[in-house]
Amino acid sequence: MNKNGSGAIYGLGLIGALVYYIGHATTFWIGVLGFLKALVWPAMLVYELLAFLG
């Protein structure tokens, strides 16, 4: 069991990402892609951060 609360932070981030991506979707399939992106948003965030830091 996770005792430091990071699961709750991830859950809130997941919900926020779902709202953002699905809210900006113009078609059903873009909404599906948004759902998939919302599941992996931490990996994308870390990748972009590392790319920025060089």
PDB file of N, CA and C in Angstrom:
ATOM      1  N   MET A   1       0.836  -1.182   0.000  1.00  0.00           N
ATOM      2  CA  MET A   1       0.000   0.000   0.000  1.00  0.00           C
ATOM      3  C   MET A   1       0.881   1.246   0.000  1.00  0.00           C
ATOM      4  N   ASN A   2       0.504   2.209  -0.786  1.00  0.00           N
ATOM      5  CA  ASN A   2       1.256   3.449  -0.902  1.00  0.00           C
ATOM      6  C   ASN A   2       0.916   4.362   0.276  1.00  0.00           C
ATOM      7  N   LYS A   3       1.909   4.702   1.075  1.00  0.00           N
ATOM      8  CA  LYS A   3       1.656   5.481   2.286  1.00  0.00           C
ATOM      9  C   LYS A   3       2.029   6.947   2.166  1.00  0.00           C
ATOM     10  N   ASN A   4       2.619   7.359   1.030  1.00  0.00           N
ATOM     11  CA  ASN A   4       3.052   8.748   0.947  1.00  0.00           C
ATOM     12  C   ASN A   4       2.114   9.626   0.132  1.00  0.00           C
ATOM     13  N   GLY A   5       1.009   9.113  -0.345  1.00  0.00           N
ATOM     14  CA  GLY A   5       0.014   9.931  -1.017  1.00  0.00           C
ATOM     15  C   GLY A   5       0.270  10.189  -2.491  1.00  0.00           C
ATOM     16  N   SER A   6       1.304   9.601  -3.054  1.00  0.00           N
ATOM     17  CA  SER A   6       1.579   9.865  -4.463  1.00  0.00           C
ATOM     18  C   SER A   6       0.508   9.255  -5.367  1.00  0.00           C
ATOM     19  N   GLY A   7      -0.158   8.229  -4.905  1.00  0.00           N
ATOM     20  CA  GLY A   7      -1.246   7.637  -5.691  1.00  0.00           C
ATOM     21  C   GLY A   7      -2.397   8.611  -5.856  1.00  0.00           C
ATOM     22  N   ALA A   8      -2.678   9.374  -4.825  1.00  0.00           N
ATOM     23  CA  ALA A   8      -3.736  10.374  -4.908  1.00  0.00           C
ATOM     24  C   ALA A   8      -3.354  11.488  -5.871  1.00  0.00           C
ATOM     25  N   ILE A   9      -2.095  11.894  -5.854  1.00  0.00           N
ATOM     26  CA  ILE A   9      -1.631  12.928  -6.776  1.00  0.00           C
ATOM     27  C   ILE A   9      -1.720  12.421  -8.209  1.00  0.00           C
ATOM     28  N   TYR A  10      -1.292  11.186  -8.444  1.00  0.00           N
ATOM     29  CA  TYR A  10      -1.396  10.605  -9.780  1.00  0.00           C
ATOM     30  C   TYR A  10      -2.855  10.529 -10.216  1.00  0.00           C
ATOM     31  N   GLY A  11      -3.738  10.129  -9.310  1.00  0.00           N
ATOM     32  CA  GLY A  11      -5.157  10.035  -9.637  1.00  0.00           C
ATOM     33  C   GLY A  11      -5.754  11.376 -10.025  1.00  0.00           C
ATOM     34  N   LEU A  12      -5.410  12.417  -9.280  1.00  0.00           N
ATOM     35  CA  LEU A  12      -5.902  13.746  -9.629  1.00  0.00           C
ATOM     36  C   LEU A  12      -5.332  14.219 -10.958  1.00  0.00           C
ATOM     37  N   GLY A  13      -4.066  13.909 -11.196  1.00  0.00           N
ATOM     38  CA  GLY A  13      -3.464  14.252 -12.485  1.00  0.00           C
ATOM     39  C   GLY A  13      -4.116  13.505 -13.628  1.00  0.00           C
ATOM     40  N   LEU A  14      -4.452  12.251 -13.408  1.00  0.00           N
ATOM     41  CA  LEU A  14      -5.126  11.448 -14.426  1.00  0.00           C
ATOM     42  C   LEU A  14      -6.492  12.045 -14.760  1.00  0.00           C
ATOM     43  N   ILE A  15      -7.237  12.413 -13.748  1.00  0.00           N
ATOM     44  CA  ILE A  15      -8.552  13.012 -13.972  1.00  0.00           C
ATOM     45  C   ILE A  15      -8.413  14.342 -14.717  1.00  0.00           C
ATOM     46  N   GLY A  16      -7.451  15.146 -14.304  1.00  0.00           N
ATOM     47  CA  GLY A  16      -7.231  16.424 -14.978  1.00  0.00           C
ATOM     48  C   GLY A  16      -6.831  16.232 -16.431  1.00  0.00           C
ATOM     49  N   ALA A  17      -5.959  15.264 -16.695  1.00  0.00           N
ATOM     50  CA  ALA A  17      -5.541  14.990 -18.066  1.00  0.00           C
ATOM     51  C   ALA A  17      -6.712  14.474 -18.902  1.00  0.00           C
ATOM     52  N   LEU A  18      -7.541  13.627 -18.313  1.00  0.00           N
ATOM     53  CA  LEU A  18      -8.724  13.141 -19.032  1.00  0.00           C
ATOM     54  C   LEU A  18      -9.647  14.290 -19.411  1.00  0.00           C
ATOM     55  N   VAL A  19      -9.908  15.165 -18.465  1.00  0.00           N
ATOM     56  CA  VAL A  19     -10.779  16.313 -18.738  1.00  0.00           C
ATOM     57  C   VAL A  19     -10.180  17.178 -19.842  1.00  0.00           C
ATOM     58  N   TYR A  20      -8.883  17.435 -19.774  1.00  0.00           N
ATOM     59  CA  TYR A  20      -8.229  18.284 -20.771  1.00  0.00           C
ATOM     60  C   TYR A  20      -8.276  17.647 -22.159  1.00  0.00           C
ATOM     61  N   TYR A  21      -7.777  16.419 -22.274  1.00  0.00           N
ATOM     62  CA  TYR A  21      -7.673  15.785 -23.581  1.00  0.00           C
ATOM     63  C   TYR A  21      -9.037  15.499 -24.200  1.00  0.00           C
ATOM     64  N   ILE A  22      -9.968  14.990 -23.414  1.00  0.00           N
ATOM     65  CA  ILE A  22     -11.285  14.679 -23.966  1.00  0.00           C
ATOM     66  C   ILE A  22     -12.065  15.960 -24.238  1.00  0.00           C
ATOM     67  N   GLY A  23     -11.857  16.987 -23.429  1.00  0.00           N
ATOM     68  CA  GLY A  23     -12.526  18.260 -23.669  1.00  0.00           C
ATOM     69  C   GLY A  23     -12.078  18.940 -24.948  1.00  0.00           C
ATOM     70  N   HIS A  24     -10.858  18.678 -25.386  1.00  0.00           N
ATOM     71  CA  HIS A  24     -10.341  19.278 -26.608  1.00  0.00           C
ATOM     72  C   HIS A  24     -10.485  18.362 -27.828  1.00  0.00           C
ATOM     73  N   ALA A  25     -11.074  17.203 -27.638  1.00  0.00           N
ATOM     74  CA  ALA A  25     -11.229  16.251 -28.739  1.00  0.00           C
ATOM     75  C   ALA A  25     -12.322  16.725 -29.692  1.00  0.00           C
ATOM     76  N   THR A  26     -12.051  16.612 -30.984  1.00  0.00           N
ATOM     77  CA  THR A  26     -13.034  17.014 -31.990  1.00  0.00           C
ATOM     78  C   THR A  26     -13.762  15.826 -32.596  1.00  0.00           C
ATOM     79  N   THR A  27     -13.201  14.633 -32.462  1.00  0.00           N
ATOM     80  CA  THR A  27     -13.852  13.421 -32.958  1.00  0.00           C
ATOM     81  C   THR A  27     -13.743  12.335 -31.886  1.00  0.00           C
ATOM     82  N   PHE A  28     -14.478  11.258 -32.125  1.00  0.00           N
ATOM     83  CA  PHE A  28     -14.451  10.149 -31.177  1.00  0.00           C
ATOM     84  C   PHE A  28     -13.047   9.568 -31.049  1.00  0.00           C
ATOM     85  N   TRP A  29     -12.366   9.365 -32.170  1.00  0.00           N
ATOM     86  CA  TRP A  29     -11.048   8.728 -32.134  1.00  0.00           C
ATOM     87  C   TRP A  29      -9.991   9.625 -31.511  1.00  0.00           C
ATOM     88  N   ILE A  30     -10.135  10.931 -31.659  1.00  0.00           N
ATOM     89  CA  ILE A  30      -9.230  11.842 -30.964  1.00  0.00           C
ATOM     90  C   ILE A  30      -9.501  11.765 -29.459  1.00  0.00           C
ATOM     91  N   GLY A  31     -10.749  11.534 -29.076  1.00  0.00           N
ATOM     92  CA  GLY A  31     -11.079  11.324 -27.669  1.00  0.00           C
ATOM     93  C   GLY A  31     -10.459  10.049 -27.123  1.00  0.00           C
ATOM     94  N   VAL A  32     -10.474   8.979 -27.922  1.00  0.00           N
ATOM     95  CA  VAL A  32      -9.831   7.721 -27.524  1.00  0.00           C
ATOM     96  C   VAL A  32      -8.336   7.933 -27.365  1.00  0.00           C
ATOM     97  N   LEU A  33      -7.724   8.639 -28.320  1.00  0.00           N
ATOM     98  CA  LEU A  33      -6.300   8.946 -28.216  1.00  0.00           C
ATOM     99  C   LEU A  33      -6.026   9.790 -26.967  1.00  0.00           C
ATOM    100  N   GLY A  34      -6.905  10.729 -26.668  1.00  0.00           N
ATOM    101  CA  GLY A  34      -6.764  11.529 -25.455  1.00  0.00           C
ATOM    102  C   GLY A  34      -6.823  10.684 -24.197  1.00  0.00           C
ATOM    103  N   PHE A  35      -7.693   9.680 -24.194  1.00  0.00           N
ATOM    104  CA  PHE A  35      -7.775   8.768 -23.055  1.00  0.00           C
ATOM    105  C   PHE A  35      -6.460   8.028 -22.869  1.00  0.00           C
ATOM    106  N   LEU A  36      -5.895   7.544 -23.964  1.00  0.00           N
ATOM    107  CA  LEU A  36      -4.618   6.825 -23.888  1.00  0.00           C
ATOM    108  C   LEU A  36      -3.493   7.751 -23.441  1.00  0.00           C
ATOM    109  N   LYS A  37      -3.498   8.982 -23.930  1.00  0.00           N
ATOM    110  CA  LYS A  37      -2.491   9.953 -23.510  1.00  0.00           C
ATOM    111  C   LYS A  37      -2.615  10.250 -22.013  1.00  0.00           C
ATOM    112  N   ALA A  38      -3.836  10.310 -21.523  1.00  0.00           N
ATOM    113  CA  ALA A  38      -4.049  10.599 -20.102  1.00  0.00           C
ATOM    114  C   ALA A  38      -3.476   9.494 -19.221  1.00  0.00           C
ATOM    115  N   LEU A  39      -3.459   8.271 -19.728  1.00  0.00           N
ATOM    116  CA  LEU A  39      -2.909   7.162 -18.943  1.00  0.00           C
ATOM    117  C   LEU A  39      -1.389   7.244 -18.819  1.00  0.00           C
ATOM    118  N   VAL A  40      -0.727   7.826 -19.805  1.00  0.00           N
ATOM    119  CA  VAL A  40       0.732   7.844 -19.806  1.00  0.00           C
ATOM    120  C   VAL A  40       1.308   9.254 -19.652  1.00  0.00           C
ATOM    121  N   TRP A  41       0.535  10.194 -19.150  1.00  0.00           N
ATOM    122  CA  TRP A  41       1.012  11.574 -19.043  1.00  0.00           C
ATOM    123  C   TRP A  41       2.258  11.716 -18.170  1.00  0.00           C
ATOM    124  N   PRO A  42       2.463  10.927 -17.111  1.00  0.00           N
ATOM    125  CA  PRO A  42       3.699  11.105 -16.343  1.00  0.00           C
ATOM    126  C   PRO A  42       4.944  10.768 -17.166  1.00  0.00           C
ATOM    127  N   ALA A  43       4.855   9.744 -18.003  1.00  0.00           N
ATOM    128  CA  ALA A  43       6.005   9.388 -18.833  1.00  0.00           C
ATOM    129  C   ALA A  43       6.303  10.499 -19.837  1.00  0.00           C
ATOM    130  N   MET A  44       5.275  11.075 -20.420  1.00  0.00           N
ATOM    131  CA  MET A  44       5.482  12.177 -21.366  1.00  0.00           C
ATOM    132  C   MET A  44       6.072  13.390 -20.661  1.00  0.00           C
ATOM    133  N   LEU A  45       5.614  13.656 -19.453  1.00  0.00           N
ATOM    134  CA  LEU A  45       6.121  14.792 -18.687  1.00  0.00           C
ATOM    135  C   LEU A  45       7.601  14.619 -18.370  1.00  0.00           C
ATOM    136  N   VAL A  46       7.990  13.450 -17.908  1.00  0.00           N
ATOM    137  CA  VAL A  46       9.389  13.195 -17.568  1.00  0.00           C
ATOM    138  C   VAL A  46      10.258  13.252 -18.822  1.00  0.00           C
ATOM    139  N   TYR A  47       9.775  12.700 -19.923  1.00  0.00           N
ATOM    140  CA  TYR A  47      10.532  12.734 -21.174  1.00  0.00           C
ATOM    141  C   TYR A  47      10.783  14.179 -21.616  1.00  0.00           C
ATOM    142  N   GLU A  48       9.749  14.999 -21.613  1.00  0.00           N
ATOM    143  CA  GLU A  48       9.903  16.403 -22.027  1.00  0.00           C
ATOM    144  C   GLU A  48      10.797  17.172 -21.064  1.00  0.00           C
ATOM    145  N   LEU A  49      10.696  16.882 -19.770  1.00  0.00           N
ATOM    146  CA  LEU A  49      11.549  17.538 -18.784  1.00  0.00           C
ATOM    147  C   LEU A  49      13.019  17.190 -19.012  1.00  0.00           C
ATOM    148  N   LEU A  50      13.305  15.914 -19.242  1.00  0.00           N
ATOM    149  CA  LEU A  50      14.674  15.495 -19.492  1.00  0.00           C
ATOM    150  C   LEU A  50      15.200  16.062 -20.813  1.00  0.00           C
ATOM    151  N   ALA A  51      14.341  16.141 -21.818  1.00  0.00           N
ATOM    152  CA  ALA A  51      14.759  16.744 -23.092  1.00  0.00           C
ATOM    153  C   ALA A  51      15.078  18.229 -22.906  1.00  0.00           C
ATOM    154  N   PHE A  52      14.285  18.904 -22.088  1.00  0.00           N
ATOM    155  CA  PHE A  52      14.517  20.322 -21.824  1.00  0.00           C
ATOM    156  C   PHE A  52      15.823  20.549 -21.057  1.00  0.00           C
ATOM    157  N   LEU A  53      16.084  19.685 -20.086  1.00  0.00           N
ATOM    158  CA  LEU A  53      17.295  19.829 -19.281  1.00  0.00           C
ATOM    159  C   LEU A  53      18.547  19.411 -20.030  1.00  0.00           C
ATOM    160  N   GLY A  54      18.355  18.625 -21.086  1.00  0.00           N
ATOM    161  CA  GLY A  54      19.504  18.243 -21.924  1.00  0.00           C
ATOM    162  C   GLY A  54      20.219  17.094 -21.340  1.00  0.00           C
TER     163      GLY A  54
END
